């Protein structure tokens, strides 16, 4: 079975109740997935398609399910450990799931209650490492 991803979502925007705790959480879990915060300001940061800012008195924190890609099962396991150590809470330990053969994931709740997952889909061949945008 062939499927394509990376074409639908431009970005995901989360609003954090405790911005410092949320930034710390994402710095730690994304580091084990091979990503780091490359753009940031006083009350915001961005990593690839993920944009996080501080909720203010007029907005509420976001609650979504967000799944990050992992390169292998060990990376899923490392994500889970890092997430718990960085203030996340268990929402499903690493293991195989019934979604499709080879699906191996772990689920945690971030400091704002978002359901965050790391998933390895089993051995696959990618058509590209990333989507590339070049100015016309």
N, C-alpha and C. Protein backbone atom coordinates (compact mmCIF):
# COMPACT_ATOMS: atom_id res chain seq x y z
N UNK A 1 0.84 -1.18 0.00
CA UNK A 1 0.00 0.00 0.00
C UNK A 1 0.89 1.25 0.00
N UNK A 2 0.64 2.17 -0.88
CA UNK A 2 1.36 3.43 -0.95
C UNK A 2 0.46 4.55 -0.47
N UNK A 3 1.01 5.45 0.35
CA UNK A 3 0.27 6.64 0.76
C UNK A 3 1.22 7.82 0.76
N UNK A 4 0.67 8.99 0.67
CA UNK A 4 1.48 10.20 0.63
C UNK A 4 1.13 11.11 1.80
N UNK A 5 2.14 11.71 2.42
CA UNK A 5 1.92 12.68 3.49
C UNK A 5 2.82 13.89 3.24
N UNK A 6 2.58 14.93 3.99
CA UNK A 6 3.40 16.12 3.88
C UNK A 6 2.91 17.11 2.86
N UNK A 7 1.70 16.90 2.33
CA UNK A 7 1.17 17.81 1.33
C UNK A 7 -0.03 18.60 1.83
N UNK A 8 -0.69 18.15 2.88
CA UNK A 8 -1.92 18.77 3.32
C UNK A 8 -1.70 19.89 4.34
N UNK A 9 -0.86 19.66 5.31
CA UNK A 9 -0.72 20.60 6.42
C UNK A 9 0.43 21.56 6.17
N UNK A 10 0.13 22.86 6.22
CA UNK A 10 1.16 23.88 6.10
C UNK A 10 1.83 24.09 7.44
N UNK A 11 1.03 24.21 8.50
CA UNK A 11 1.59 24.35 9.85
C UNK A 11 0.54 23.98 10.89
N UNK A 12 1.02 23.68 12.08
CA UNK A 12 0.17 23.41 13.24
C UNK A 12 0.49 24.49 14.27
N UNK A 13 -0.53 25.14 14.80
CA UNK A 13 -0.34 26.23 15.76
C UNK A 13 -0.93 25.82 17.10
N UNK A 14 -0.06 25.76 18.11
CA UNK A 14 -0.49 25.46 19.47
C UNK A 14 -0.36 26.71 20.33
N UNK A 15 -1.31 26.89 21.24
CA UNK A 15 -1.23 27.98 22.21
C UNK A 15 -1.00 27.36 23.58
N UNK A 16 0.04 27.84 24.26
CA UNK A 16 0.49 27.24 25.52
C UNK A 16 0.07 28.07 26.73
N UNK A 17 -0.47 27.41 27.73
CA UNK A 17 -0.85 28.06 28.98
C UNK A 17 0.40 28.49 29.75
N UNK A 18 1.36 27.60 29.89
CA UNK A 18 2.64 27.90 30.55
C UNK A 18 3.71 27.78 29.48
N UNK A 19 4.02 28.90 28.85
CA UNK A 19 4.91 28.88 27.69
C UNK A 19 6.29 28.31 28.02
N UNK A 20 6.86 28.67 29.16
CA UNK A 20 8.20 28.17 29.52
C UNK A 20 8.20 26.65 29.65
N UNK A 21 7.20 26.09 30.32
CA UNK A 21 7.13 24.63 30.48
C UNK A 21 6.91 23.94 29.13
N UNK A 22 6.08 24.54 28.29
CA UNK A 22 5.80 23.97 26.98
C UNK A 22 7.02 24.01 26.09
N UNK A 23 7.73 25.13 26.09
CA UNK A 23 8.95 25.22 25.27
C UNK A 23 9.98 24.18 25.74
N UNK A 24 10.16 24.04 27.03
CA UNK A 24 11.10 23.05 27.57
C UNK A 24 10.70 21.64 27.10
N UNK A 25 9.43 21.30 27.21
CA UNK A 25 8.93 20.00 26.78
C UNK A 25 9.28 19.73 25.32
N UNK A 26 8.94 20.66 24.43
CA UNK A 26 9.19 20.45 23.00
C UNK A 26 10.67 20.47 22.66
N UNK A 27 11.48 21.27 23.33
CA UNK A 27 12.92 21.23 23.10
C UNK A 27 13.46 19.83 23.36
N UNK A 28 13.02 19.21 24.44
CA UNK A 28 13.53 17.89 24.82
C UNK A 28 13.01 16.77 23.92
N UNK A 29 11.71 16.75 23.64
CA UNK A 29 11.18 15.64 22.84
C UNK A 29 11.58 15.76 21.38
N UNK A 30 11.66 16.97 20.86
CA UNK A 30 12.05 17.12 19.46
C UNK A 30 13.54 16.84 19.26
N UNK A 31 14.34 17.10 20.29
CA UNK A 31 15.78 16.81 20.19
C UNK A 31 16.03 15.32 19.94
N UNK A 32 15.29 14.45 20.61
CA UNK A 32 15.50 13.01 20.39
C UNK A 32 14.99 12.57 19.02
N UNK A 33 14.15 13.39 18.40
CA UNK A 33 13.67 13.09 17.05
C UNK A 33 14.54 13.76 15.98
N UNK A 34 15.61 14.44 16.43
CA UNK A 34 16.54 15.04 15.49
C UNK A 34 16.20 16.45 15.05
N UNK A 35 15.36 17.14 15.81
CA UNK A 35 14.96 18.51 15.45
C UNK A 35 15.31 19.47 16.58
N UNK A 36 15.49 20.73 16.22
CA UNK A 36 15.74 21.75 17.25
C UNK A 36 14.97 23.02 16.88
N UNK A 37 14.76 23.86 17.87
CA UNK A 37 14.09 25.13 17.64
C UNK A 37 15.04 26.03 16.85
N UNK A 38 14.61 26.44 15.68
CA UNK A 38 15.45 27.26 14.81
C UNK A 38 14.97 28.70 14.75
N UNK A 39 13.72 28.93 15.04
CA UNK A 39 13.16 30.28 15.02
C UNK A 39 12.38 30.49 16.29
N UNK A 40 12.60 31.65 16.94
CA UNK A 40 11.87 31.91 18.17
C UNK A 40 11.89 33.39 18.51
N UNK A 41 10.98 33.78 19.38
CA UNK A 41 10.89 35.12 19.91
C UNK A 41 10.56 35.04 21.38
N UNK A 42 10.17 36.15 21.96
CA UNK A 42 9.90 36.19 23.40
C UNK A 42 8.84 35.17 23.83
N UNK A 43 7.74 35.09 23.12
CA UNK A 43 6.64 34.21 23.51
C UNK A 43 6.20 33.26 22.39
N UNK A 44 7.15 32.87 21.54
CA UNK A 44 6.81 31.95 20.46
C UNK A 44 8.06 31.18 20.02
N UNK A 45 7.84 30.05 19.37
CA UNK A 45 8.92 29.33 18.69
C UNK A 45 8.31 28.53 17.55
N UNK A 46 9.18 28.16 16.61
CA UNK A 46 8.74 27.37 15.47
C UNK A 46 9.78 26.31 15.16
N UNK A 47 9.30 25.10 14.90
CA UNK A 47 10.13 23.98 14.48
C UNK A 47 9.43 23.34 13.29
N UNK A 48 10.01 23.52 12.12
CA UNK A 48 9.42 22.97 10.91
C UNK A 48 7.98 23.47 10.79
N UNK A 49 6.98 22.60 10.73
CA UNK A 49 5.60 23.03 10.59
C UNK A 49 4.91 23.34 11.91
N UNK A 50 5.59 23.15 13.03
CA UNK A 50 5.00 23.38 14.35
C UNK A 50 5.29 24.80 14.83
N UNK A 51 4.24 25.56 15.13
CA UNK A 51 4.36 26.92 15.67
C UNK A 51 3.66 26.94 17.02
N UNK A 52 4.36 27.41 18.06
CA UNK A 52 3.79 27.46 19.41
C UNK A 52 3.97 28.87 19.95
N UNK A 53 2.88 29.41 20.53
CA UNK A 53 2.99 30.69 21.20
C UNK A 53 2.26 30.65 22.52
N UNK A 54 2.44 31.71 23.31
CA UNK A 54 1.83 31.79 24.63
C UNK A 54 0.37 32.21 24.51
N UNK A 55 -0.51 31.51 25.21
CA UNK A 55 -1.91 31.90 25.27
C UNK A 55 -2.01 33.16 26.12
N UNK A 56 -2.90 34.06 25.75
CA UNK A 56 -3.11 35.25 26.56
C UNK A 56 -4.47 35.16 27.25
N UNK A 57 -4.89 36.21 27.90
CA UNK A 57 -6.13 36.20 28.67
C UNK A 57 -7.37 35.96 27.80
N UNK A 58 -7.26 36.25 26.51
CA UNK A 58 -8.42 36.10 25.61
C UNK A 58 -8.43 34.77 24.86
N UNK A 59 -7.36 34.02 24.93
CA UNK A 59 -7.30 32.75 24.20
C UNK A 59 -7.09 31.60 25.17
N UNK A 60 -7.44 30.44 24.74
CA UNK A 60 -7.27 29.25 25.56
C UNK A 60 -6.22 28.35 24.91
N UNK A 61 -5.58 27.48 25.69
CA UNK A 61 -4.63 26.54 25.10
C UNK A 61 -5.33 25.63 24.08
N UNK A 62 -4.57 25.15 23.14
CA UNK A 62 -5.08 24.27 22.11
C UNK A 62 -5.07 22.82 22.62
N UNK A 63 -6.02 22.03 22.17
CA UNK A 63 -6.02 20.60 22.50
C UNK A 63 -6.21 19.81 21.22
N UNK A 64 -5.14 19.16 20.80
CA UNK A 64 -5.16 18.38 19.56
C UNK A 64 -4.35 17.09 19.74
N UNK A 65 -4.40 16.26 18.74
CA UNK A 65 -3.50 15.11 18.62
C UNK A 65 -2.47 15.49 17.56
N UNK A 66 -1.20 15.38 17.92
CA UNK A 66 -0.11 15.72 17.02
C UNK A 66 0.86 14.54 16.99
N UNK A 67 1.14 14.01 15.81
CA UNK A 67 2.03 12.85 15.68
C UNK A 67 3.30 13.25 14.95
N UNK A 68 4.45 12.96 15.59
CA UNK A 68 5.75 13.22 14.99
C UNK A 68 6.31 11.93 14.41
N UNK A 69 7.04 12.04 13.30
CA UNK A 69 7.64 10.88 12.67
C UNK A 69 8.94 10.50 13.38
N UNK A 70 9.12 9.21 13.59
CA UNK A 70 10.36 8.67 14.16
C UNK A 70 11.02 7.78 13.11
N UNK A 71 12.35 7.71 13.16
CA UNK A 71 13.09 6.91 12.17
C UNK A 71 13.11 5.42 12.49
N UNK A 72 12.85 5.06 13.76
CA UNK A 72 12.85 3.66 14.14
C UNK A 72 12.17 3.51 15.51
N UNK A 73 12.03 2.26 15.95
CA UNK A 73 11.39 1.99 17.24
C UNK A 73 12.17 2.59 18.41
N UNK A 74 13.51 2.54 18.33
CA UNK A 74 14.33 3.10 19.41
C UNK A 74 14.06 4.60 19.57
N UNK A 75 13.81 5.29 18.48
CA UNK A 75 13.52 6.72 18.55
C UNK A 75 12.17 6.96 19.22
N UNK A 76 11.20 6.09 18.96
CA UNK A 76 9.90 6.20 19.64
C UNK A 76 10.10 6.00 21.14
N UNK A 77 10.87 4.99 21.51
CA UNK A 77 11.14 4.74 22.93
C UNK A 77 11.84 5.94 23.58
N UNK A 78 12.83 6.51 22.90
CA UNK A 78 13.56 7.66 23.43
C UNK A 78 12.65 8.87 23.57
N UNK A 79 11.76 9.07 22.61
CA UNK A 79 10.78 10.16 22.68
C UNK A 79 9.93 10.03 23.93
N UNK A 80 9.44 8.83 24.18
CA UNK A 80 8.56 8.58 25.33
C UNK A 80 9.29 8.90 26.64
N UNK A 81 10.52 8.42 26.78
CA UNK A 81 11.30 8.68 27.99
C UNK A 81 11.58 10.17 28.14
N UNK A 82 11.97 10.83 27.07
CA UNK A 82 12.26 12.27 27.13
C UNK A 82 11.02 13.08 27.47
N UNK A 83 9.88 12.67 26.92
CA UNK A 83 8.64 13.39 27.18
C UNK A 83 8.24 13.30 28.65
N UNK A 84 8.35 12.12 29.23
CA UNK A 84 8.01 11.96 30.65
C UNK A 84 8.99 12.75 31.52
N UNK A 85 10.27 12.72 31.17
CA UNK A 85 11.28 13.45 31.95
C UNK A 85 11.11 14.96 31.83
N UNK A 86 10.51 15.42 30.73
CA UNK A 86 10.36 16.86 30.49
C UNK A 86 9.01 17.40 30.94
N UNK A 87 8.25 16.62 31.70
CA UNK A 87 6.99 17.11 32.23
C UNK A 87 5.74 16.61 31.55
N UNK A 88 5.89 15.73 30.57
CA UNK A 88 4.72 15.13 29.94
C UNK A 88 4.17 14.01 30.80
N UNK A 89 2.97 13.55 30.47
CA UNK A 89 2.39 12.43 31.21
C UNK A 89 1.99 11.32 30.23
N UNK A 90 2.02 10.09 30.72
CA UNK A 90 1.73 8.92 29.90
C UNK A 90 0.32 8.97 29.33
N UNK A 91 0.21 8.64 28.04
CA UNK A 91 -1.09 8.48 27.40
C UNK A 91 -1.08 7.25 26.50
N UNK A 92 -0.10 6.37 26.71
CA UNK A 92 0.03 5.14 25.94
C UNK A 92 1.49 4.84 25.68
N UNK A 93 2.07 3.87 26.41
CA UNK A 93 3.50 3.59 26.28
C UNK A 93 3.86 3.05 24.90
N UNK A 94 5.16 3.04 24.58
CA UNK A 94 5.59 2.53 23.27
C UNK A 94 5.10 1.11 23.03
N UNK A 95 4.67 0.87 21.81
CA UNK A 95 4.23 -0.46 21.44
C UNK A 95 3.60 -0.48 20.07
N UNK A 96 3.37 -1.70 19.58
CA UNK A 96 2.70 -1.87 18.30
C UNK A 96 1.23 -1.51 18.44
N UNK A 97 0.69 -0.91 17.42
CA UNK A 97 -0.73 -0.55 17.40
C UNK A 97 -1.38 -1.27 16.22
N UNK A 98 -2.67 -1.38 16.25
CA UNK A 98 -3.42 -2.12 15.24
C UNK A 98 -3.71 -1.30 13.98
N UNK A 99 -3.27 -0.07 13.90
CA UNK A 99 -3.63 0.83 12.80
C UNK A 99 -3.23 0.28 11.44
N UNK A 100 -2.02 -0.26 11.33
CA UNK A 100 -1.57 -0.98 10.13
C UNK A 100 -0.34 -1.78 10.52
N UNK A 101 0.02 -2.82 9.77
CA UNK A 101 1.20 -3.62 10.10
C UNK A 101 2.45 -2.75 10.19
N UNK A 102 3.22 -2.91 11.26
CA UNK A 102 4.45 -2.17 11.45
C UNK A 102 4.30 -0.88 12.24
N UNK A 103 3.07 -0.48 12.56
CA UNK A 103 2.84 0.79 13.28
C UNK A 103 3.30 0.64 14.73
N UNK A 104 4.27 1.45 15.12
CA UNK A 104 4.83 1.42 16.47
C UNK A 104 4.82 2.86 16.99
N UNK A 105 4.07 3.09 18.06
CA UNK A 105 3.94 4.46 18.55
C UNK A 105 3.93 4.55 20.05
N UNK A 106 4.09 5.78 20.53
CA UNK A 106 3.99 6.12 21.95
C UNK A 106 3.24 7.43 22.06
N UNK A 107 2.43 7.56 23.11
CA UNK A 107 1.59 8.73 23.30
C UNK A 107 1.85 9.35 24.67
N UNK A 108 1.93 10.68 24.69
CA UNK A 108 2.07 11.43 25.94
C UNK A 108 1.18 12.66 25.85
N UNK A 109 0.87 13.22 27.00
CA UNK A 109 0.18 14.51 27.05
C UNK A 109 1.23 15.56 27.36
N UNK A 110 1.26 16.64 26.57
CA UNK A 110 2.20 17.72 26.84
C UNK A 110 1.69 18.56 28.02
N UNK A 111 2.41 19.59 28.45
CA UNK A 111 1.97 20.37 29.62
C UNK A 111 0.58 21.01 29.48
N UNK A 112 0.09 21.17 28.25
CA UNK A 112 -1.24 21.75 28.05
C UNK A 112 -2.31 20.71 27.75
N UNK A 113 -1.97 19.44 27.82
CA UNK A 113 -2.95 18.39 27.60
C UNK A 113 -3.11 17.94 26.16
N UNK A 114 -2.24 18.40 25.26
CA UNK A 114 -2.28 17.93 23.88
C UNK A 114 -1.77 16.49 23.83
N UNK A 115 -2.40 15.67 23.02
CA UNK A 115 -2.00 14.27 22.85
C UNK A 115 -0.88 14.24 21.80
N UNK A 116 0.35 14.01 22.26
CA UNK A 116 1.51 14.04 21.38
C UNK A 116 2.03 12.61 21.19
N UNK A 117 2.28 12.26 19.95
CA UNK A 117 2.69 10.90 19.60
C UNK A 117 3.99 10.93 18.81
N UNK A 118 4.79 9.91 18.97
CA UNK A 118 5.90 9.62 18.06
C UNK A 118 5.56 8.28 17.44
N UNK A 119 5.71 8.19 16.11
CA UNK A 119 5.33 6.97 15.42
C UNK A 119 6.39 6.56 14.41
N UNK A 120 6.63 5.25 14.36
CA UNK A 120 7.46 4.64 13.33
C UNK A 120 6.53 3.71 12.56
N UNK A 121 6.46 3.89 11.24
CA UNK A 121 5.52 3.12 10.42
C UNK A 121 6.11 1.82 9.90
N UNK A 122 7.29 1.45 10.37
CA UNK A 122 7.94 0.27 9.85
C UNK A 122 8.84 0.65 8.69
N UNK A 123 9.54 -0.32 8.13
CA UNK A 123 10.45 -0.01 7.03
C UNK A 123 9.68 0.53 5.82
N UNK A 124 10.03 1.72 5.39
CA UNK A 124 9.41 2.34 4.22
C UNK A 124 10.49 3.06 3.42
N UNK A 125 10.19 3.31 2.18
CA UNK A 125 11.08 4.09 1.34
C UNK A 125 10.43 5.44 1.10
N UNK A 126 11.14 6.51 1.45
CA UNK A 126 10.63 7.87 1.26
C UNK A 126 10.98 8.37 -0.13
N UNK A 127 10.07 9.13 -0.72
CA UNK A 127 10.35 9.74 -2.01
C UNK A 127 11.25 10.97 -1.85
N UNK A 128 11.24 11.57 -0.64
CA UNK A 128 12.08 12.74 -0.34
C UNK A 128 12.18 12.88 1.16
N UNK A 129 13.27 13.48 1.64
CA UNK A 129 13.44 13.72 3.08
C UNK A 129 12.53 14.83 3.57
N UNK A 130 12.25 15.82 2.71
CA UNK A 130 11.40 16.94 3.12
C UNK A 130 10.80 17.60 1.89
N UNK A 131 9.80 18.42 2.12
CA UNK A 131 9.23 19.25 1.06
C UNK A 131 10.12 20.48 0.95
N UNK A 132 10.46 20.86 -0.25
CA UNK A 132 11.38 21.98 -0.48
C UNK A 132 10.64 23.11 -1.20
N UNK A 133 10.77 24.30 -0.66
CA UNK A 133 10.19 25.48 -1.29
C UNK A 133 11.32 26.38 -1.75
N UNK A 134 11.33 26.74 -3.01
CA UNK A 134 12.31 27.69 -3.55
C UNK A 134 11.55 28.86 -4.14
N UNK A 135 11.96 30.10 -3.80
CA UNK A 135 11.27 31.27 -4.37
C UNK A 135 11.30 31.22 -5.90
N UNK A 136 10.19 31.59 -6.50
CA UNK A 136 10.08 31.55 -7.97
C UNK A 136 10.77 32.72 -8.61
